[in-house]
Amino acid sequence: MLVPDPKVVRKLLTRYASLRIAQAEREREATARELEDVSYTLCVMMGSTDIHDAVAKADALLVEGGRTPVVPTDPDGDSGLRLAV
């Protein structure tokens, strides 16, 4: 499965939120169209048909992407990996 670029997802989420706020403050046809486009793009990128589900998946992707993987080591500092000689 392809994973969307977190930078692109973050940009889309930011644009989605900005458009929602703009539309709530003053309804405009152009804003509504752009909001629809951004919503569609988020849904496609996150593999969802519902914008609320797409936003939740996008948030989860960004949270996961912010975590650094932990490599277990033993007390002697050996990572358990063998060197190829």
PDB file of N, CA and C in Angstrom:
ATOM      1  N   MET A   1       0.844  -1.186   0.000  1.00  0.00           N
ATOM      2  CA  MET A   1       0.000   0.000   0.000  1.00  0.00           C
ATOM      3  C   MET A   1       0.885   1.245   0.000  1.00  0.00           C
ATOM      4  N   LEU A   2       0.558   2.197  -0.829  1.00  0.00           N
ATOM      5  CA  LEU A   2       1.296   3.446  -0.879  1.00  0.00           C
ATOM      6  C   LEU A   2       0.907   4.335   0.297  1.00  0.00           C
ATOM      7  N   VAL A   3       1.902   5.000   0.873  1.00  0.00           N
ATOM      8  CA  VAL A   3       1.659   5.909   1.987  1.00  0.00           C
ATOM      9  C   VAL A   3       1.866   7.333   1.476  1.00  0.00           C
ATOM     10  N   PRO A   4       0.871   8.196   1.666  1.00  0.00           N
ATOM     11  CA  PRO A   4       0.997   9.572   1.195  1.00  0.00           C
ATOM     12  C   PRO A   4       2.131  10.310   1.907  1.00  0.00           C
ATOM     13  N   ASP A   5       2.715  11.268   1.218  1.00  0.00           N
ATOM     14  CA  ASP A   5       3.766  12.100   1.791  1.00  0.00           C
ATOM     15  C   ASP A   5       3.163  12.935   2.934  1.00  0.00           C
ATOM     16  N   PRO A   6       3.706  12.809   4.145  1.00  0.00           N
ATOM     17  CA  PRO A   6       3.162  13.563   5.286  1.00  0.00           C
ATOM     18  C   PRO A   6       3.141  15.081   5.057  1.00  0.00           C
ATOM     19  N   LYS A   7       4.109  15.605   4.315  1.00  0.00           N
ATOM     20  CA  LYS A   7       4.123  17.051   4.050  1.00  0.00           C
ATOM     21  C   LYS A   7       2.907  17.462   3.225  1.00  0.00           C
ATOM     22  N   VAL A   8       2.561  16.647   2.247  1.00  0.00           N
ATOM     23  CA  VAL A   8       1.397  16.938   1.401  1.00  0.00           C
ATOM     24  C   VAL A   8       0.115  16.799   2.218  1.00  0.00           C
ATOM     25  N   VAL A   9       0.057  15.773   3.039  1.00  0.00           N
ATOM     26  CA  VAL A   9      -1.124  15.553   3.880  1.00  0.00           C
ATOM     27  C   VAL A   9      -1.301  16.720   4.844  1.00  0.00           C
ATOM     28  N   ARG A  10      -0.212  17.158   5.468  1.00  0.00           N
ATOM     29  CA  ARG A  10      -0.288  18.286   6.407  1.00  0.00           C
ATOM     30  C   ARG A  10      -0.787  19.550   5.688  1.00  0.00           C
ATOM     31  N   LYS A  11      -0.285  19.781   4.481  1.00  0.00           N
ATOM     32  CA  LYS A  11      -0.706  20.943   3.691  1.00  0.00           C
ATOM     33  C   LYS A  11      -2.207  20.878   3.384  1.00  0.00           C
ATOM     34  N   LEU A  12      -2.673  19.695   2.981  1.00  0.00           N
ATOM     35  CA  LEU A  12      -4.096  19.531   2.672  1.00  0.00           C
ATOM     36  C   LEU A  12      -4.970  19.717   3.903  1.00  0.00           C
ATOM     37  N   LEU A  13      -4.534  19.177   5.034  1.00  0.00           N
ATOM     38  CA  LEU A  13      -5.304  19.341   6.277  1.00  0.00           C
ATOM     39  C   LEU A  13      -5.383  20.813   6.676  1.00  0.00           C
ATOM     40  N   THR A  14      -4.281  21.511   6.517  1.00  0.00           N
ATOM     41  CA  THR A  14      -4.262  22.937   6.846  1.00  0.00           C
ATOM     42  C   THR A  14      -5.209  23.706   5.927  1.00  0.00           C
ATOM     43  N   ARG A  15      -5.158  23.390   4.645  1.00  0.00           N
ATOM     44  CA  ARG A  15      -6.035  24.064   3.681  1.00  0.00           C
ATOM     45  C   ARG A  15      -7.500  23.726   3.953  1.00  0.00           C
ATOM     46  N   TYR A  16      -7.761  22.471   4.270  1.00  0.00           N
ATOM     47  CA  TYR A  16      -9.121  22.033   4.592  1.00  0.00           C
ATOM     48  C   TYR A  16      -9.662  22.823   5.785  1.00  0.00           C
ATOM     49  N   ALA A  17      -8.865  22.923   6.845  1.00  0.00           N
ATOM     50  CA  ALA A  17      -9.297  23.648   8.047  1.00  0.00           C
ATOM     51  C   ALA A  17      -9.523  25.124   7.747  1.00  0.00           C
ATOM     52  N   SER A  18      -8.620  25.724   6.991  1.00  0.00           N
ATOM     53  CA  SER A  18      -8.751  27.148   6.637  1.00  0.00           C
ATOM     54  C   SER A  18     -10.019  27.397   5.832  1.00  0.00           C
ATOM     55  N   LEU A  19     -10.294  26.513   4.888  1.00  0.00           N
ATOM     56  CA  LEU A  19     -11.500  26.671   4.068  1.00  0.00           C
ATOM     57  C   LEU A  19     -12.772  26.465   4.878  1.00  0.00           C
ATOM     58  N   ARG A  20     -12.741  25.525   5.808  1.00  0.00           N
ATOM     59  CA  ARG A  20     -13.914  25.319   6.671  1.00  0.00           C
ATOM     60  C   ARG A  20     -14.207  26.565   7.492  1.00  0.00           C
ATOM     61  N   ILE A  21     -13.146  27.169   8.022  1.00  0.00           N
ATOM     62  CA  ILE A  21     -13.314  28.390   8.813  1.00  0.00           C
ATOM     63  C   ILE A  21     -13.839  29.519   7.927  1.00  0.00           C
ATOM     64  N   ALA A  22     -13.230  29.689   6.759  1.00  0.00           N
ATOM     65  CA  ALA A  22     -13.659  30.745   5.839  1.00  0.00           C
ATOM     66  C   ALA A  22     -15.114  30.568   5.436  1.00  0.00           C
ATOM     67  N   GLN A  23     -15.508  29.342   5.193  1.00  0.00           N
ATOM     68  CA  GLN A  23     -16.888  29.064   4.775  1.00  0.00           C
ATOM     69  C   GLN A  23     -17.854  29.300   5.933  1.00  0.00           C
ATOM     70  N   ALA A  24     -17.428  29.008   7.161  1.00  0.00           N
ATOM     71  CA  ALA A  24     -18.290  29.237   8.317  1.00  0.00           C
ATOM     72  C   ALA A  24     -18.472  30.732   8.585  1.00  0.00           C
ATOM     73  N   GLU A  25     -17.412  31.503   8.324  1.00  0.00           N
ATOM     74  CA  GLU A  25     -17.491  32.948   8.543  1.00  0.00           C
ATOM     75  C   GLU A  25     -18.342  33.638   7.486  1.00  0.00           C
ATOM     76  N   ARG A  26     -18.161  33.220   6.243  1.00  0.00           N
ATOM     77  CA  ARG A  26     -18.908  33.831   5.139  1.00  0.00           C
ATOM     78  C   ARG A  26     -18.998  32.829   4.001  1.00  0.00           C
ATOM     79  N   GLU A  27     -20.199  32.376   3.739  1.00  0.00           N
ATOM     80  CA  GLU A  27     -20.391  31.394   2.670  1.00  0.00           C
ATOM     81  C   GLU A  27     -20.183  32.041   1.310  1.00  0.00           C
ATOM     82  N   ARG A  28     -19.295  31.409   0.539  1.00  0.00           N
ATOM     83  CA  ARG A  28     -19.021  31.874  -0.817  1.00  0.00           C
ATOM     84  C   ARG A  28     -18.948  30.660  -1.720  1.00  0.00           C
ATOM     85  N   GLU A  29     -19.414  30.840  -2.940  1.00  0.00           N
ATOM     86  CA  GLU A  29     -19.432  29.738  -3.899  1.00  0.00           C
ATOM     87  C   GLU A  29     -18.014  29.251  -4.229  1.00  0.00           C
ATOM     88  N   ALA A  30     -17.080  30.177  -4.398  1.00  0.00           N
ATOM     89  CA  ALA A  30     -15.700  29.799  -4.731  1.00  0.00           C
ATOM     90  C   ALA A  30     -15.052  29.011  -3.593  1.00  0.00           C
ATOM     91  N   THR A  31     -15.314  29.426  -2.364  1.00  0.00           N
ATOM     92  CA  THR A  31     -14.764  28.719  -1.200  1.00  0.00           C
ATOM     93  C   THR A  31     -15.369  27.333  -1.094  1.00  0.00           C
ATOM     94  N   ALA A  32     -16.662  27.231  -1.345  1.00  0.00           N
ATOM     95  CA  ALA A  32     -17.340  25.935  -1.298  1.00  0.00           C
ATOM     96  C   ALA A  32     -16.764  24.967  -2.324  1.00  0.00           C
ATOM     97  N   ARG A  33     -16.494  25.472  -3.533  1.00  0.00           N
ATOM     98  CA  ARG A  33     -15.902  24.621  -4.580  1.00  0.00           C
ATOM     99  C   ARG A  33     -14.499  24.158  -4.183  1.00  0.00           C
ATOM    100  N   GLU A  34     -13.704  25.088  -3.671  1.00  0.00           N
ATOM    101  CA  GLU A  34     -12.344  24.714  -3.275  1.00  0.00           C
ATOM    102  C   GLU A  34     -12.369  23.731  -2.104  1.00  0.00           C
ATOM    103  N   LEU A  35     -13.283  23.934  -1.167  1.00  0.00           N
ATOM    104  CA  LEU A  35     -13.423  23.015  -0.044  1.00  0.00           C
ATOM    105  C   LEU A  35     -13.806  21.625  -0.536  1.00  0.00           C
ATOM    106  N   GLU A  36     -14.679  21.566  -1.512  1.00  0.00           N
ATOM    107  CA  GLU A  36     -15.074  20.286  -2.095  1.00  0.00           C
ATOM    108  C   GLU A  36     -13.879  19.595  -2.762  1.00  0.00           C
ATOM    109  N   ASP A  37     -13.077  20.366  -3.484  1.00  0.00           N
ATOM    110  CA  ASP A  37     -11.883  19.813  -4.141  1.00  0.00           C
ATOM    111  C   ASP A  37     -10.874  19.270  -3.131  1.00  0.00           C
ATOM    112  N   VAL A  38     -10.615  20.049  -2.096  1.00  0.00           N
ATOM    113  CA  VAL A  38      -9.652  19.627  -1.068  1.00  0.00           C
ATOM    114  C   VAL A  38     -10.184  18.398  -0.333  1.00  0.00           C
ATOM    115  N   SER A  39     -11.472  18.385  -0.036  1.00  0.00           N
ATOM    116  CA  SER A  39     -12.077  17.239   0.645  1.00  0.00           C
ATOM    117  C   SER A  39     -11.944  15.982  -0.207  1.00  0.00           C
ATOM    118  N   TYR A  40     -12.227  16.101  -1.492  1.00  0.00           N
ATOM    119  CA  TYR A  40     -12.108  14.971  -2.413  1.00  0.00           C
ATOM    120  C   TYR A  40     -10.665  14.457  -2.446  1.00  0.00           C
ATOM    121  N   THR A  41      -9.714  15.380  -2.555  1.00  0.00           N
ATOM    122  CA  THR A  41      -8.305  14.993  -2.615  1.00  0.00           C
ATOM    123  C   THR A  41      -7.874  14.287  -1.340  1.00  0.00           C
ATOM    124  N   LEU A  42      -8.287  14.794  -0.193  1.00  0.00           N
ATOM    125  CA  LEU A  42      -7.964  14.134   1.080  1.00  0.00           C
ATOM    126  C   LEU A  42      -8.557  12.728   1.129  1.00  0.00           C
ATOM    127  N   CYS A  43      -9.794  12.596   0.700  1.00  0.00           N
ATOM    128  CA  CYS A  43     -10.433  11.277   0.699  1.00  0.00           C
ATOM    129  C   CYS A  43      -9.679  10.296  -0.192  1.00  0.00           C
ATOM    130  N   VAL A  44      -9.294  10.734  -1.376  1.00  0.00           N
ATOM    131  CA  VAL A  44      -8.565   9.861  -2.300  1.00  0.00           C
ATOM    132  C   VAL A  44      -7.214   9.472  -1.703  1.00  0.00           C
ATOM    133  N   MET A  45      -6.490  10.456  -1.182  1.00  0.00           N
ATOM    134  CA  MET A  45      -5.161  10.179  -0.621  1.00  0.00           C
ATOM    135  C   MET A  45      -5.220   9.210   0.555  1.00  0.00           C
ATOM    136  N   MET A  46      -6.276   9.319   1.357  1.00  0.00           N
ATOM    137  CA  MET A  46      -6.374   8.492   2.559  1.00  0.00           C
ATOM    138  C   MET A  46      -7.203   7.231   2.330  1.00  0.00           C
ATOM    139  N   GLY A  47      -7.672   7.019   1.112  1.00  0.00           N
ATOM    140  CA  GLY A  47      -8.427   5.809   0.799  1.00  0.00           C
ATOM    141  C   GLY A  47      -9.756   5.736   1.525  1.00  0.00           C
ATOM    142  N   SER A  48     -10.479   6.841   1.529  1.00  0.00           N
ATOM    143  CA  SER A  48     -11.742   6.911   2.251  1.00  0.00           C
ATOM    144  C   SER A  48     -12.810   7.546   1.366  1.00  0.00           C
ATOM    145  N   THR A  49     -14.062   7.301   1.706  1.00  0.00           N
ATOM    146  CA  THR A  49     -15.161   7.937   0.990  1.00  0.00           C
ATOM    147  C   THR A  49     -15.846   8.988   1.852  1.00  0.00           C
ATOM    148  N   ASP A  50     -15.403   9.121   3.111  1.00  0.00           N
ATOM    149  CA  ASP A  50     -15.992  10.065   4.049  1.00  0.00           C
ATOM    150  C   ASP A  50     -14.913  11.028   4.533  1.00  0.00           C
ATOM    151  N   ILE A  51     -15.183  12.337   4.463  1.00  0.00           N
ATOM    152  CA  ILE A  51     -14.167  13.320   4.823  1.00  0.00           C
ATOM    153  C   ILE A  51     -13.773  13.224   6.294  1.00  0.00           C
ATOM    154  N   HIS A  52     -14.715  12.905   7.164  1.00  0.00           N
ATOM    155  CA  HIS A  52     -14.371  12.789   8.591  1.00  0.00           C
ATOM    156  C   HIS A  52     -13.403  11.621   8.817  1.00  0.00           C
ATOM    157  N   ASP A  53     -13.644  10.522   8.127  1.00  0.00           N
ATOM    158  CA  ASP A  53     -12.748   9.370   8.204  1.00  0.00           C
ATOM    159  C   ASP A  53     -11.384   9.719   7.598  1.00  0.00           C
ATOM    160  N   ALA A  54     -11.392  10.442   6.497  1.00  0.00           N
ATOM    161  CA  ALA A  54     -10.140  10.827   5.838  1.00  0.00           C
ATOM    162  C   ALA A  54      -9.309  11.734   6.740  1.00  0.00           C
ATOM    163  N   VAL A  55      -9.957  12.674   7.407  1.00  0.00           N
ATOM    164  CA  VAL A  55      -9.236  13.572   8.321  1.00  0.00           C
ATOM    165  C   VAL A  55      -8.666  12.780   9.491  1.00  0.00           C
ATOM    166  N   ALA A  56      -9.435  11.839  10.024  1.00  0.00           N
ATOM    167  CA  ALA A  56      -8.940  11.013  11.130  1.00  0.00           C
ATOM    168  C   ALA A  56      -7.735  10.178  10.695  1.00  0.00           C
ATOM    169  N   LYS A  57      -7.803   9.599   9.500  1.00  0.00           N
ATOM    170  CA  LYS A  57      -6.678   8.814   8.986  1.00  0.00           C
ATOM    171  C   LYS A  57      -5.458   9.695   8.741  1.00  0.00           C
ATOM    172  N   ALA A  58      -5.689  10.890   8.226  1.00  0.00           N
ATOM    173  CA  ALA A  58      -4.585  11.815   7.974  1.00  0.00           C
ATOM    174  C   ALA A  58      -3.921  12.228   9.280  1.00  0.00           C
ATOM    175  N   ASP A  59      -4.737  12.513  10.293  1.00  0.00           N
ATOM    176  CA  ASP A  59      -4.188  12.851  11.612  1.00  0.00           C
ATOM    177  C   ASP A  59      -3.354  11.702  12.160  1.00  0.00           C
ATOM    178  N   ALA A  60      -3.864  10.488  12.039  1.00  0.00           N
ATOM    179  CA  ALA A  60      -3.139   9.309  12.536  1.00  0.00           C
ATOM    180  C   ALA A  60      -1.819   9.131  11.788  1.00  0.00           C
ATOM    181  N   LEU A  61      -1.837   9.360  10.486  1.00  0.00           N
ATOM    182  CA  LEU A  61      -0.619   9.254   9.687  1.00  0.00           C
ATOM    183  C   LEU A  61       0.429  10.252  10.162  1.00  0.00           C
ATOM    184  N   LEU A  62       0.005  11.475  10.444  1.00  0.00           N
ATOM    185  CA  LEU A  62       0.941  12.496  10.894  1.00  0.00           C
ATOM    186  C   LEU A  62       1.472  12.207  12.299  1.00  0.00           C
ATOM    187  N   VAL A  63       0.618  11.659  13.145  1.00  0.00           N
ATOM    188  CA  VAL A  63       1.072  11.289  14.499  1.00  0.00           C
ATOM    189  C   VAL A  63       2.094  10.161  14.407  1.00  0.00           C
ATOM    190  N   GLU A  64       1.792   9.162  13.599  1.00  0.00           N
ATOM    191  CA  GLU A  64       2.726   8.034  13.415  1.00  0.00           C
ATOM    192  C   GLU A  64       4.035   8.500  12.814  1.00  0.00           C
ATOM    193  N   GLY A  65       3.963   9.395  11.853  1.00  0.00           N
ATOM    194  CA  GLY A  65       5.154   9.888  11.180  1.00  0.00           C
ATOM    195  C   GLY A  65       6.065  10.682  12.093  1.00  0.00           C
ATOM    196  N   GLY A  66       5.517  11.234  13.161  1.00  0.00           N
ATOM    197  CA  GLY A  66       6.309  12.024  14.097  1.00  0.00           C
ATOM    198  C   GLY A  66       7.064  11.201  15.111  1.00  0.00           C
ATOM    199  N   ARG A  67       6.745   9.958  15.189  1.00  0.00           N
ATOM    200  CA  ARG A  67       7.421   9.076  16.153  1.00  0.00           C
ATOM    201  C   ARG A  67       8.682   8.507  15.549  1.00  0.00           C
ATOM    202  N   THR A  68       9.730   8.437  16.355  1.00  0.00           N
ATOM    203  CA  THR A  68      10.973   7.841  15.885  1.00  0.00           C
ATOM    204  C   THR A  68      11.009   6.388  16.320  1.00  0.00           C
ATOM    205  N   PRO A  69      11.400   5.504  15.421  1.00  0.00           N
ATOM    206  CA  PRO A  69      11.429   4.088  15.769  1.00  0.00           C
ATOM    207  C   PRO A  69      12.483   3.817  16.837  1.00  0.00           C
ATOM    208  N   VAL A  70      12.130   2.924  17.743  1.00  0.00           N
ATOM    209  CA  VAL A  70      13.043   2.542  18.809  1.00  0.00           C
ATOM    210  C   VAL A  70      13.673   1.206  18.439  1.00  0.00           C
ATOM    211  N   VAL A  71      15.003   1.173  18.421  1.00  0.00           N
ATOM    212  CA  VAL A  71      15.723  -0.060  18.113  1.00  0.00           C
ATOM    213  C   VAL A  71      16.154  -0.668  19.430  1.00  0.00           C
ATOM    214  N   PRO A  72      15.644  -1.864  19.751  1.00  0.00           N
ATOM    215  CA  PRO A  72      16.017  -2.469  21.027  1.00  0.00           C
ATOM    216  C   PRO A  72      17.503  -2.850  21.036  1.00  0.00           C
ATOM    217  N   THR A  73      18.115  -2.631  22.167  1.00  0.00           N
ATOM    218  CA  THR A  73      19.517  -3.017  22.352  1.00  0.00           C
ATOM    219  C   THR A  73      19.635  -3.797  23.648  1.00  0.00           C
ATOM    220  N   ASP A  74      20.675  -4.608  23.718  1.00  0.00           N
ATOM    221  CA  ASP A  74      20.893  -5.319  24.968  1.00  0.00           C
ATOM    222  C   ASP A  74      21.753  -4.432  25.870  1.00  0.00           C
ATOM    223  N   PRO A  75      21.892  -4.792  27.136  1.00  0.00           N
ATOM    224  CA  PRO A  75      22.632  -3.954  28.076  1.00  0.00           C
ATOM    225  C   PRO A  75      24.098  -3.725  27.690  1.00  0.00           C
ATOM    226  N   ASP A  76      24.685  -4.606  26.876  1.00  0.00           N
ATOM    227  CA  ASP A  76      26.078  -4.454  26.472  1.00  0.00           C
ATOM    228  C   ASP A  76      26.229  -3.493  25.291  1.00  0.00           C
ATOM    229  N   GLY A  77      25.115  -2.952  24.806  1.00  0.00           N
ATOM    230  CA  GLY A  77      25.166  -2.022  23.680  1.00  0.00           C
ATOM    231  C   GLY A  77      25.136  -2.711  22.333  1.00  0.00           C
ATOM    232  N   ASP A  78      24.955  -4.021  22.302  1.00  0.00           N
ATOM    233  CA  ASP A  78      24.890  -4.762  21.052  1.00  0.00           C
ATOM    234  C   ASP A  78      23.468  -4.678  20.501  1.00  0.00           C
ATOM    235  N   SER A  79      23.325  -4.279  19.258  1.00  0.00           N
ATOM    236  CA  SER A  79      22.001  -4.155  18.664  1.00  0.00           C
ATOM    237  C   SER A  79      21.415  -5.491  18.245  1.00  0.00           C
ATOM    238  N   GLY A  80      22.219  -6.540  18.308  1.00  0.00           N
ATOM    239  CA  GLY A  80      21.750  -7.842  17.903  1.00  0.00           C
ATOM    240  C   GLY A  80      21.985  -8.102  16.432  1.00  0.00           C
ATOM    241  N   LEU A  81      22.452  -7.116  15.687  1.00  0.00           N
ATOM    242  CA  LEU A  81      22.715  -7.281  14.267  1.00  0.00           C
ATOM    243  C   LEU A  81      24.129  -7.827  14.082  1.00  0.00           C
ATOM    244  N   ARG A  82      24.286  -8.703  13.135  1.00  0.00           N
ATOM    245  CA  ARG A  82      25.593  -9.294  12.852  1.00  0.00           C
ATOM    246  C   ARG A  82      26.242  -8.563  11.686  1.00  0.00           C
ATOM    247  N   LEU A  83      27.517  -8.393  11.745  1.00  0.00           N
ATOM    248  CA  LEU A  83      28.244  -7.789  10.656  1.00  0.00           C
ATOM    249  C   LEU A  83      28.556  -8.841   9.610  1.00  0.00           C
ATOM    250  N   ALA A  84      28.403  -8.483   8.370  1.00  0.00           N
ATOM    251  CA  ALA A  84      28.768  -9.400   7.281  1.00  0.00           C
ATOM    252  C   ALA A  84      30.258  -9.258   7.055  1.00  0.00           C
ATOM    253  N   VAL A  85      30.961 -10.359   7.179  1.00  0.00           N
ATOM    254  CA  VAL A  85      32.417 -10.327   7.011  1.00  0.00           C
ATOM    255  C   VAL A  85      32.817 -11.120   5.799  1.00  0.00           C
TER     256      VAL A  85
END
